[in-house]
Amino acid sequence: MPDPKKIICITCPKGCEAEVSKEGDAILIKGKICKKGKGHFTQEFTEPMRTLTSTVLAEGTSPRRLPVRTRGPIPKKDLFEAMDIVVQTRVKPPVRIGEVIIPDLLGTGVDLISSDDLRE
């Protein structure tokens, strides 16, 4: 059995810590956790997910950068590949907050969206 992984829960402000390991097909969680925490520990152990936040270059306007984020979390392992795409992305005004900048980023089913308006 591999060494257990220590994980801190971010579901609520308590920041509970647990040791998570795998035995056969079962995920074992040792620590004081709530129902929400159990889901977080399991997800973080099996496939960590993160919301990507960044900026893209805005052409022909000031400010020169537009804040963007993924509409939901994507696999943590895909963050660097996603950023390779984001840094090459250019937008032109007008762009409205919530507008899709890159649909289905890396085939994750999650869109990259604008976090602000960009006017001419």
Protein backbone atom coordinates (compact mmCIF):
# COMPACT_ATOMS: atom_id res chain seq x y z
CA MET A 1 0.00 0.00 0.00
CA PRO A 2 1.49 3.41 -0.95
CA ASP A 3 2.11 6.07 1.68
CA PRO A 4 -1.01 7.98 2.68
CA LYS A 5 -1.42 11.47 1.27
CA LYS A 6 -2.14 14.32 3.70
CA ILE A 7 -4.89 16.60 2.39
CA ILE A 8 -6.43 19.72 3.88
CA CYS A 9 -10.11 20.23 3.15
CA ILE A 10 -11.12 23.56 1.62
CA THR A 11 -14.87 22.94 1.66
CA CYS A 12 -15.36 25.19 4.70
CA PRO A 13 -13.17 27.53 6.79
CA LYS A 14 -12.28 24.83 9.35
CA GLY A 15 -9.50 23.41 7.14
CA CYS A 16 -9.71 19.85 8.47
CA GLU A 17 -6.78 17.57 7.68
CA ALA A 18 -6.96 13.89 6.82
CA GLU A 19 -4.73 11.10 5.57
CA VAL A 20 -6.09 9.52 2.42
CA SER A 21 -4.89 6.24 0.94
CA LYS A 22 -6.09 3.49 -1.34
CA GLU A 23 -6.47 -0.17 -0.41
CA GLY A 24 -7.59 -2.23 -3.36
CA ASP A 25 -10.52 -0.31 -4.85
CA ALA A 26 -11.39 1.40 -1.56
CA ILE A 27 -10.40 4.96 -0.67
CA LEU A 28 -9.52 5.15 3.04
CA ILE A 29 -9.85 8.49 4.86
CA LYS A 30 -8.45 8.87 8.38
CA GLY A 31 -9.32 12.03 10.25
CA LYS A 32 -12.26 14.00 11.60
CA ILE A 33 -14.33 14.92 8.55
CA CYS A 34 -17.88 15.89 7.66
CA LYS A 35 -20.05 14.62 4.78
CA LYS A 36 -18.92 17.44 2.48
CA GLY A 37 -15.30 16.84 3.44
CA LYS A 38 -15.52 13.17 2.47
CA GLY A 39 -16.37 14.13 -1.10
CA HIS A 40 -13.57 16.69 -1.21
CA PHE A 41 -10.94 14.27 0.12
CA THR A 42 -12.01 11.55 -2.30
CA GLN A 43 -12.00 13.93 -5.31
CA GLU A 44 -8.65 15.48 -4.32
CA PHE A 45 -7.08 12.04 -3.92
CA THR A 46 -8.44 10.46 -7.11
CA GLU A 47 -8.40 13.42 -9.51
CA PRO A 48 -7.67 16.91 -8.15
CA MET A 49 -9.64 19.66 -9.87
CA ARG A 50 -8.95 23.41 -10.03
CA THR A 51 -10.59 26.52 -11.45
CA LEU A 52 -8.15 28.26 -13.80
CA THR A 53 -7.92 32.05 -13.55
CA SER A 54 -5.70 34.12 -15.82
CA THR A 55 -5.74 36.93 -18.37
CA VAL A 56 -5.70 37.07 -22.15
CA LEU A 57 -4.31 39.78 -24.41
CA ALA A 58 -6.87 42.40 -25.45
CA GLU A 59 -6.08 43.91 -28.85
CA GLY A 60 -6.87 47.50 -29.78
CA THR A 61 -7.98 48.69 -26.35
CA SER A 62 -6.85 49.77 -22.95
CA PRO A 63 -6.55 47.84 -20.65
CA ARG A 64 -4.35 45.46 -22.61
CA ARG A 65 -5.41 42.34 -20.66
CA LEU A 66 -8.82 40.79 -20.00
CA PRO A 67 -9.34 38.62 -16.90
CA VAL A 68 -10.69 35.16 -17.66
CA ARG A 69 -11.55 32.00 -15.75
CA THR A 70 -12.91 28.55 -16.36
CA ARG A 71 -16.65 28.24 -15.75
CA GLY A 72 -15.89 25.31 -13.44
CA PRO A 73 -12.97 23.21 -12.32
CA ILE A 74 -10.76 21.25 -14.71
CA PRO A 75 -8.31 18.45 -13.88
CA LYS A 76 -5.26 19.83 -12.08
CA LYS A 77 -3.01 17.77 -14.38
CA ASP A 78 -4.30 19.82 -17.36
CA LEU A 79 -3.55 23.30 -15.94
CA PHE A 80 -0.18 23.82 -17.66
CA GLU A 81 -1.49 22.60 -21.03
CA ALA A 82 -4.53 24.86 -20.63
CA MET A 83 -2.27 27.83 -19.86
CA ASP A 84 -0.30 27.13 -23.06
CA ILE A 85 -3.55 27.76 -24.94
CA VAL A 86 -4.66 30.72 -22.80
CA VAL A 87 -1.40 32.66 -23.26
CA GLN A 88 -1.83 32.45 -27.05
CA THR A 89 -5.41 33.71 -26.94
CA ARG A 90 -6.26 37.21 -28.19
CA VAL A 91 -9.58 39.01 -27.95
CA LYS A 92 -11.00 42.17 -29.47
CA PRO A 93 -13.71 44.33 -27.93
CA PRO A 94 -16.54 44.23 -27.28
CA VAL A 95 -16.52 41.32 -24.83
CA ARG A 96 -19.17 40.96 -22.13
CA ILE A 97 -18.64 39.44 -18.71
CA GLY A 98 -19.46 35.72 -18.84
CA GLU A 99 -18.88 35.52 -22.60
CA VAL A 100 -17.21 32.31 -23.77
CA ILE A 101 -13.64 32.96 -24.87
CA ILE A 102 -12.61 29.32 -25.46
CA PRO A 103 -15.40 26.73 -25.59
CA ASP A 104 -14.72 23.25 -24.15
CA LEU A 105 -11.13 24.00 -23.07
CA LEU A 106 -8.99 20.91 -23.79
CA GLY A 107 -12.08 18.78 -24.29
CA THR A 108 -12.91 19.06 -20.58
CA GLY A 109 -16.46 20.25 -21.23
CA VAL A 110 -15.61 23.46 -19.35
CA ASP A 111 -15.54 26.84 -21.10
CA LEU A 112 -13.03 29.64 -20.52
CA ILE A 113 -15.10 32.77 -19.92
CA SER A 114 -14.55 36.49 -19.52
CA SER A 115 -14.45 37.76 -15.92
CA ASP A 116 -15.07 41.37 -16.95
CA ASP A 117 -16.46 43.55 -19.73
CA LEU A 118 -14.08 44.80 -22.41
CA ARG A 119 -15.30 47.88 -24.22
CA GLU A 120 -13.98 49.60 -27.32
